[in-house]
Amino acid sequence: MAGVHQLDHPLVRAELSKLRNSERHETGIKIEIVAKPFSGHRPHRSHARSRGFQGVGGTNISRRNPVAAFEGTTIKPRIGLTPILRAGLGMTDALLTLFPSAPVYHLGLFREKVTLQPVEYYSKLPPFPPVDIVYLLDPLIATGGTAVAALGMIVDWGIPAEKIKLLCVLASEKGLNNVQTLFPELEAGCRKVYSGVDEVLTKEGIISPGLGDTGDRLFNTIRP
């Protein structure tokens, strides 16, 4: 699928199987989502980082510490993180280990159960964007409606679509197609699927086998 980078590696498939397992304790799920896709130095993670962070460079700086002057590097362009509540919070800490000074702009969106349409209930976007690139964090893309709505909010905020990188853990084919259809100008390589694409999307808009509700699993709010 054009514009989507899917990692196909035994270690990646093993991690995805752990995420799918409903018997996993919520703490384990949180560790997997936070730490595994975007940190560490195993081969598949290095590939994930190189794909997900294309376009991020550095510029030379001259500074002084208490001992002496030194030449260093600062990250350019300016990067902002935008997790979609609640599930996107599970990816935020991992990105902050790579970009510790990046501002975090939370977006609150939920999917209406009957129409499956996204409903906005919270936005922490400031009046004008002080960043150049935004990483949109959404672990699960089912219908793609929530991701599309968030992308629209960020574009309306003033960030061009080609400067947005959508990072997810698992997606449906239909959801990815919806995102690509409505935002074809997204930068090649910005949509990075860490572990897989599931073909089946139920009439309730749920990925099968999927992961279940990622937010509920992260915060242990699954109804019995």
C-alpha atoms as a PDB file:
ATOM      1  CA  MET A   1       0.000   0.000   0.000  1.00  0.00           C
ATOM      2  CA  ALA A   2       1.616   3.242  -1.146  1.00  0.00           C
ATOM      3  CA  GLY A   3       2.751   5.623   1.588  1.00  0.00           C
ATOM      4  CA  VAL A   4       2.452   3.028   4.352  1.00  0.00           C
ATOM      5  CA  HIS A   5       5.543   1.439   5.867  1.00  0.00           C
ATOM      6  CA  GLN A   6       4.690  -1.892   7.471  1.00  0.00           C
ATOM      7  CA  LEU A   7       7.339  -3.740   9.429  1.00  0.00           C
ATOM      8  CA  ASP A   8       7.290  -7.479   8.761  1.00  0.00           C
ATOM      9  CA  HIS A   9       9.723  -9.148  11.135  1.00  0.00           C
ATOM     10  CA  PRO A  10       9.309 -12.143  13.501  1.00  0.00           C
ATOM     11  CA  LEU A  11      10.078  -9.950  16.516  1.00  0.00           C
ATOM     12  CA  VAL A  12       7.471  -7.432  15.396  1.00  0.00           C
ATOM     13  CA  ARG A  13       4.871 -10.143  14.882  1.00  0.00           C
ATOM     14  CA  ALA A  14       5.649 -11.540  18.324  1.00  0.00           C
ATOM     15  CA  GLU A  15       5.130  -8.139  19.941  1.00  0.00           C
ATOM     16  CA  LEU A  16       1.814  -7.712  18.110  1.00  0.00           C
ATOM     17  CA  SER A  17       0.666 -11.120  19.349  1.00  0.00           C
ATOM     18  CA  LYS A  18       1.376  -9.996  22.915  1.00  0.00           C
ATOM     19  CA  LEU A  19      -0.694  -6.849  22.381  1.00  0.00           C
ATOM     20  CA  ARG A  20      -3.621  -8.824  20.982  1.00  0.00           C
ATOM     21  CA  ASN A  21      -3.699 -11.194  23.980  1.00  0.00           C
ATOM     22  CA  SER A  22      -6.646 -10.248  26.210  1.00  0.00           C
ATOM     23  CA  GLU A  23      -5.056 -12.078  29.142  1.00  0.00           C
ATOM     24  CA  ARG A  24      -2.196  -9.576  29.337  1.00  0.00           C
ATOM     25  CA  HIS A  25      -2.276  -7.310  32.386  1.00  0.00           C
ATOM     26  CA  GLU A  26      -2.859  -3.637  31.548  1.00  0.00           C
ATOM     27  CA  THR A  27       0.600  -2.688  32.838  1.00  0.00           C
ATOM     28  CA  GLY A  28       2.193  -5.071  30.368  1.00  0.00           C
ATOM     29  CA  ILE A  29       0.077  -3.662  27.562  1.00  0.00           C
ATOM     30  CA  LYS A  30       1.156  -0.150  28.480  1.00  0.00           C
ATOM     31  CA  ILE A  31       4.833  -1.108  28.489  1.00  0.00           C
ATOM     32  CA  GLU A  32       4.511  -2.763  25.071  1.00  0.00           C
ATOM     33  CA  ILE A  33       2.799   0.232  23.451  1.00  0.00           C
ATOM     34  CA  VAL A  34       4.965   2.855  25.116  1.00  0.00           C
ATOM     35  CA  ALA A  35       8.385   1.305  24.859  1.00  0.00           C
ATOM     36  CA  LYS A  36       8.474  -1.173  22.024  1.00  0.00           C
ATOM     37  CA  PRO A  37       7.539   0.590  18.760  1.00  0.00           C
ATOM     38  CA  PHE A  38       9.686   3.698  18.952  1.00  0.00           C
ATOM     39  CA  SER A  39      12.589   3.021  21.300  1.00  0.00           C
ATOM     40  CA  GLY A  40      15.443   0.591  21.705  1.00  0.00           C
ATOM     41  CA  HIS A  41      18.073  -0.639  19.274  1.00  0.00           C
ATOM     42  CA  ARG A  42      16.866  -3.987  17.958  1.00  0.00           C
ATOM     43  CA  PRO A  43      16.939  -4.254  14.162  1.00  0.00           C
ATOM     44  CA  HIS A  44      13.204  -3.823  13.624  1.00  0.00           C
ATOM     45  CA  ARG A  45      13.079  -0.858  15.986  1.00  0.00           C
ATOM     46  CA  SER A  46      15.982   0.859  14.258  1.00  0.00           C
ATOM     47  CA  HIS A  47      14.086   0.449  10.981  1.00  0.00           C
ATOM     48  CA  ALA A  48      10.945   1.846  12.585  1.00  0.00           C
ATOM     49  CA  ARG A  49      12.810   4.866  13.829  1.00  0.00           C
ATOM     50  CA  SER A  50      14.484   5.550  10.476  1.00  0.00           C
ATOM     51  CA  ARG A  51      11.139   5.332   8.661  1.00  0.00           C
ATOM     52  CA  GLY A  52       9.175   7.298  11.205  1.00  0.00           C
ATOM     53  CA  PHE A  53      11.715  10.096  11.604  1.00  0.00           C
ATOM     54  CA  GLN A  54      12.736  10.832   8.052  1.00  0.00           C
ATOM     55  CA  GLY A  55      13.051  14.576   7.547  1.00  0.00           C
ATOM     56  CA  VAL A  56      14.338  15.205  11.072  1.00  0.00           C
ATOM     57  CA  GLY A  57      17.785  16.734  10.963  1.00  0.00           C
ATOM     58  CA  GLY A  58      20.083  18.920  12.999  1.00  0.00           C
ATOM     59  CA  THR A  59      21.875  22.214  12.845  1.00  0.00           C
ATOM     60  CA  ASN A  60      25.230  23.121  14.386  1.00  0.00           C
ATOM     61  CA  ILE A  61      25.300  25.376  17.425  1.00  0.00           C
ATOM     62  CA  SER A  62      28.021  27.038  19.502  1.00  0.00           C
ATOM     63  CA  ARG A  63      27.463  27.005  23.253  1.00  0.00           C
ATOM     64  CA  ARG A  64      29.407  27.210  26.500  1.00  0.00           C
ATOM     65  CA  ASN A  65      29.136  25.074  29.630  1.00  0.00           C
ATOM     66  CA  PRO A  66      30.828  25.757  33.025  1.00  0.00           C
ATOM     67  CA  VAL A  67      34.077  24.210  31.742  1.00  0.00           C
ATOM     68  CA  ALA A  68      34.533  25.377  28.160  1.00  0.00           C
ATOM     69  CA  ALA A  69      32.906  26.362  24.892  1.00  0.00           C
ATOM     70  CA  PHE A  70      31.694  23.574  22.637  1.00  0.00           C
ATOM     71  CA  GLU A  71      30.172  22.885  19.250  1.00  0.00           C
ATOM     72  CA  GLY A  72      26.926  20.929  19.333  1.00  0.00           C
ATOM     73  CA  THR A  73      23.757  20.079  17.474  1.00  0.00           C
ATOM     74  CA  THR A  74      20.141  21.021  17.941  1.00  0.00           C
ATOM     75  CA  ILE A  75      17.184  19.305  16.287  1.00  0.00           C
ATOM     76  CA  LYS A  76      15.649  21.038  13.305  1.00  0.00           C
ATOM     77  CA  PRO A  77      12.883  21.417  12.365  1.00  0.00           C
ATOM     78  CA  ARG A  78      10.849  22.075  15.501  1.00  0.00           C
ATOM     79  CA  ILE A  79       8.778  19.009  16.426  1.00  0.00           C
ATOM     80  CA  GLY A  80       5.459  18.787  18.262  1.00  0.00           C
ATOM     81  CA  LEU A  81       3.628  15.691  19.506  1.00  0.00           C
ATOM     82  CA  THR A  82      -0.144  15.359  19.249  1.00  0.00           C
ATOM     83  CA  PRO A  83      -1.609  12.279  20.939  1.00  0.00           C
ATOM     84  CA  ILE A  84      -5.282  11.497  20.452  1.00  0.00           C
ATOM     85  CA  LEU A  85      -6.862  10.866  23.843  1.00  0.00           C
ATOM     86  CA  ARG A  86      -6.875   8.408  25.445  1.00  0.00           C
ATOM     87  CA  ALA A  87      -4.985   5.769  23.528  1.00  0.00           C
ATOM     88  CA  GLY A  88      -2.374   8.127  22.081  1.00  0.00           C
ATOM     89  CA  LEU A  89      -1.042   8.736  25.586  1.00  0.00           C
ATOM     90  CA  GLY A  90       0.445   5.244  25.429  1.00  0.00           C
ATOM     91  CA  MET A  91       2.839   6.389  22.692  1.00  0.00           C
ATOM     92  CA  THR A  92       3.751   9.810  24.074  1.00  0.00           C
ATOM     93  CA  ASP A  93       6.444   8.836  26.578  1.00  0.00           C
ATOM     94  CA  ALA A  94       8.382   6.868  23.969  1.00  0.00           C
ATOM     95  CA  LEU A  95       8.454   9.841  21.609  1.00  0.00           C
ATOM     96  CA  LEU A  96       9.498  12.131  24.451  1.00  0.00           C
ATOM     97  CA  THR A  97      12.550   9.932  25.055  1.00  0.00           C
ATOM     98  CA  LEU A  98      13.631  10.859  21.525  1.00  0.00           C
ATOM     99  CA  PHE A  99      12.425  14.488  21.587  1.00  0.00           C
ATOM    100  CA  PRO A 100      12.404  15.462  25.299  1.00  0.00           C
ATOM    101  CA  SER A 101      11.803  19.157  24.628  1.00  0.00           C
ATOM    102  CA  ALA A 102       8.930  18.621  22.179  1.00  0.00           C
ATOM    103  CA  PRO A 103       5.653  20.276  23.218  1.00  0.00           C
ATOM    104  CA  VAL A 104       2.669  17.939  23.585  1.00  0.00           C
ATOM    105  CA  TYR A 105      -0.698  19.086  22.225  1.00  0.00           C
ATOM    106  CA  HIS A 106      -3.536  16.781  23.287  1.00  0.00           C
ATOM    107  CA  LEU A 107      -6.588  16.235  21.101  1.00  0.00           C
ATOM    108  CA  GLY A 108      -9.759  14.704  22.553  1.00  0.00           C
ATOM    109  CA  LEU A 109     -11.876  12.753  20.057  1.00  0.00           C
ATOM    110  CA  PHE A 110     -14.284   9.879  20.550  1.00  0.00           C
ATOM    111  CA  ARG A 111     -16.238   7.809  18.048  1.00  0.00           C
ATOM    112  CA  GLU A 112     -20.025   7.985  18.280  1.00  0.00           C
ATOM    113  CA  LYS A 113     -21.248   4.400  18.624  1.00  0.00           C
ATOM    114  CA  VAL A 114     -24.169   4.539  16.178  1.00  0.00           C
ATOM    115  CA  THR A 115     -22.855   6.717  13.342  1.00  0.00           C
ATOM    116  CA  LEU A 116     -19.168   5.833  13.981  1.00  0.00           C
ATOM    117  CA  GLN A 117     -18.388   9.502  13.342  1.00  0.00           C
ATOM    118  CA  PRO A 118     -15.683  11.273  15.383  1.00  0.00           C
ATOM    119  CA  VAL A 119     -16.753  13.834  17.977  1.00  0.00           C
ATOM    120  CA  GLU A 120     -14.316  16.466  19.222  1.00  0.00           C
ATOM    121  CA  TYR A 121     -14.416  17.249  22.934  1.00  0.00           C
ATOM    122  CA  TYR A 122     -10.972  18.716  23.684  1.00  0.00           C
ATOM    123  CA  SER A 123      -8.133  20.552  21.952  1.00  0.00           C
ATOM    124  CA  LYS A 124      -4.936  21.897  23.447  1.00  0.00           C
ATOM    125  CA  LEU A 125      -3.686  23.423  20.193  1.00  0.00           C
ATOM    126  CA  PRO A 126      -2.490  27.002  20.789  1.00  0.00           C
ATOM    127  CA  PRO A 127      -3.714  29.821  18.516  1.00  0.00           C
ATOM    128  CA  PHE A 128      -0.692  29.564  16.218  1.00  0.00           C
ATOM    129  CA  PRO A 129       1.649  26.591  15.674  1.00  0.00           C
ATOM    130  CA  PRO A 130       5.150  27.141  17.102  1.00  0.00           C
ATOM    131  CA  VAL A 131       6.407  23.924  15.477  1.00  0.00           C
ATOM    132  CA  ASP A 132       7.267  22.800  11.952  1.00  0.00           C
ATOM    133  CA  ILE A 133       6.423  19.078  12.079  1.00  0.00           C
ATOM    134  CA  VAL A 134       3.699  17.299  14.040  1.00  0.00           C
ATOM    135  CA  TYR A 135       3.719  13.632  15.011  1.00  0.00           C
ATOM    136  CA  LEU A 136       0.101  12.521  15.327  1.00  0.00           C
ATOM    137  CA  LEU A 137      -0.085   9.562  17.725  1.00  0.00           C
ATOM    138  CA  ASP A 138      -2.970   7.123  17.298  1.00  0.00           C
ATOM    139  CA  PRO A 139      -2.190   3.472  18.160  1.00  0.00           C
ATOM    140  CA  LEU A 140      -5.223   1.989  16.384  1.00  0.00           C
ATOM    141  CA  ILE A 141      -6.746   3.096  13.075  1.00  0.00           C
ATOM    142  CA  ALA A 142     -10.055   1.292  12.509  1.00  0.00           C
ATOM    143  CA  THR A 143     -12.387   3.248  10.198  1.00  0.00           C
ATOM    144  CA  GLY A 144      -9.846   6.066   9.947  1.00  0.00           C
ATOM    145  CA  GLY A 145     -12.477   8.632  10.938  1.00  0.00           C
ATOM    146  CA  THR A 146     -10.742   9.769  14.113  1.00  0.00           C
ATOM    147  CA  ALA A 147      -7.362  10.050  12.406  1.00  0.00           C
ATOM    148  CA  VAL A 148      -8.911  12.013   9.528  1.00  0.00           C
ATOM    149  CA  ALA A 149     -10.657  14.378  11.951  1.00  0.00           C
ATOM    150  CA  ALA A 150      -7.416  14.948  13.880  1.00  0.00           C
ATOM    151  CA  LEU A 151      -5.491  15.538  10.659  1.00  0.00           C
ATOM    152  CA  GLY A 152      -8.098  18.099   9.639  1.00  0.00           C
ATOM    153  CA  MET A 153      -7.754  19.896  12.971  1.00  0.00           C
ATOM    154  CA  ILE A 154      -3.982  20.077  12.631  1.00  0.00           C
ATOM    155  CA  VAL A 155      -4.142  21.293   9.027  1.00  0.00           C
ATOM    156  CA  ASP A 156      -6.706  23.969  10.008  1.00  0.00           C
ATOM    157  CA  TRP A 157      -4.308  24.951  12.798  1.00  0.00           C
ATOM    158  CA  GLY A 158      -1.704  25.826  10.179  1.00  0.00           C
ATOM    159  CA  ILE A 159       0.497  22.745   9.730  1.00  0.00           C
ATOM    160  CA  PRO A 160       0.572  21.557   6.084  1.00  0.00           C
ATOM    161  CA  ALA A 161      -0.458  17.923   5.622  1.00  0.00           C
ATOM    162  CA  GLU A 162       2.965  17.055   4.212  1.00  0.00           C
ATOM    163  CA  LYS A 163       4.474  18.094   7.572  1.00  0.00           C
ATOM    164  CA  ILE A 164       2.326  15.676   9.587  1.00  0.00           C
ATOM    165  CA  LYS A 165       3.511  12.178  10.423  1.00  0.00           C
ATOM    166  CA  LEU A 166       0.816   9.754  11.526  1.00  0.00           C
ATOM    167  CA  LEU A 167       2.250   7.025  13.752  1.00  0.00           C
ATOM    168  CA  CYS A 168       0.152   3.984  14.632  1.00  0.00           C
ATOM    169  CA  VAL A 169       0.573   0.467  15.969  1.00  0.00           C
ATOM    170  CA  LEU A 170      -2.167  -1.365  14.063  1.00  0.00           C
ATOM    171  CA  ALA A 171      -4.619  -0.394  11.334  1.00  0.00           C
ATOM    172  CA  SER A 172      -7.308  -1.810   9.096  1.00  0.00           C
ATOM    173  CA  GLU A 173      -6.950  -1.679   5.330  1.00  0.00           C
ATOM    174  CA  LYS A 174     -10.174   0.323   5.075  1.00  0.00           C
ATOM    175  CA  GLY A 175      -8.987   2.834   7.652  1.00  0.00           C
ATOM    176  CA  LEU A 176      -5.678   3.397   5.894  1.00  0.00           C
ATOM    177  CA  ASN A 177      -7.454   3.750   2.556  1.00  0.00           C
ATOM    178  CA  ASN A 178      -9.784   6.376   4.038  1.00  0.00           C
ATOM    179  CA  VAL A 179      -6.832   8.373   5.365  1.00  0.00           C
ATOM    180  CA  GLN A 180      -4.994   8.159   2.050  1.00  0.00           C
ATOM    181  CA  THR A 181      -8.078   9.148   0.057  1.00  0.00           C
ATOM    182  CA  LEU A 182      -8.791  12.257   2.113  1.00  0.00           C
ATOM    183  CA  PHE A 183      -5.149  13.254   2.673  1.00  0.00           C
ATOM    184  CA  PRO A 184      -3.230  12.109  -0.417  1.00  0.00           C
ATOM    185  CA  GLU A 185      -0.676  14.874   0.083  1.00  0.00           C
ATOM    186  CA  LEU A 186       0.645  13.372   3.292  1.00  0.00           C
ATOM    187  CA  GLU A 187       4.410  12.981   3.102  1.00  0.00           C
ATOM    188  CA  ALA A 188       5.528   9.637   1.724  1.00  0.00           C
ATOM    189  CA  GLY A 189       6.556   7.555   4.675  1.00  0.00           C
ATOM    190  CA  CYS A 190       4.648   9.560   7.256  1.00  0.00           C
ATOM    191  CA  ARG A 191       2.110   6.816   7.869  1.00  0.00           C
ATOM    192  CA  LYS A 192       4.102   4.195   9.673  1.00  0.00           C
ATOM    193  CA  VAL A 193       2.464   1.001  10.806  1.00  0.00           C
ATOM    194  CA  TYR A 194       4.623  -0.562  13.486  1.00  0.00           C
ATOM    195  CA  SER A 195       3.282  -4.097  13.465  1.00  0.00           C
ATOM    196  CA  GLY A 196       0.508  -4.879  11.059  1.00  0.00           C
ATOM    197  CA  VAL A 197      -2.566  -4.260   8.969  1.00  0.00           C
ATOM    198  CA  ASP A 198      -5.719  -6.298   9.616  1.00  0.00           C
ATOM    199  CA  GLU A 199      -8.105  -6.839   6.717  1.00  0.00           C
ATOM    200  CA  VAL A 200     -11.350  -7.318   8.647  1.00  0.00           C
ATOM    201  CA  LEU A 201     -13.393  -4.364   9.926  1.00  0.00           C
ATOM    202  CA  THR A 202     -16.704  -5.349  11.550  1.00  0.00           C
ATOM    203  CA  LYS A 203     -19.999  -3.514  11.006  1.00  0.00           C
ATOM    204  CA  GLU A 204     -19.444  -1.949  14.443  1.00  0.00           C
ATOM    205  CA  GLY A 205     -16.207  -0.443  13.131  1.00  0.00           C
ATOM    206  CA  ILE A 206     -13.944  -2.759  15.140  1.00  0.00           C
ATOM    207  CA  ILE A 207     -10.729  -4.232  13.734  1.00  0.00           C
ATOM    208  CA  SER A 208     -10.671  -8.021  13.818  1.00  0.00           C
ATOM    209  CA  PRO A 209      -8.692  -9.585  15.378  1.00  0.00           C
ATOM    210  CA  GLY A 210      -7.293  -6.183  16.327  1.00  0.00           C
ATOM    211  CA  LEU A 211      -6.391  -5.304  19.905  1.00  0.00           C
ATOM    212  CA  GLY A 212      -9.727  -4.407  21.448  1.00  0.00           C
ATOM    213  CA  ASP A 213     -10.252  -0.891  22.792  1.00  0.00           C
ATOM    214  CA  THR A 214      -6.692   0.353  23.250  1.00  0.00           C
ATOM    215  CA  GLY A 215      -7.645   3.096  25.711  1.00  0.00           C
ATOM    216  CA  ASP A 216      -9.585   0.684  27.903  1.00  0.00           C
ATOM    217  CA  ARG A 217      -6.726  -1.801  27.886  1.00  0.00           C
ATOM    218  CA  LEU A 218      -4.165   0.883  28.721  1.00  0.00           C
ATOM    219  CA  PHE A 219      -6.138   2.231  31.673  1.00  0.00           C
ATOM    220  CA  ASN A 220      -7.820  -0.985  32.839  1.00  0.00           C
ATOM    221  CA  THR A 221     -11.368   0.247  32.217  1.00  0.00           C
ATOM    222  CA  ILE A 222     -12.618  -2.785  30.294  1.00  0.00           C
ATOM    223  CA  ARG A 223     -16.212  -3.577  31.166  1.00  0.00           C
ATOM    224  CA  PRO A 224     -16.805  -7.149  32.338  1.00  0.00           C
END
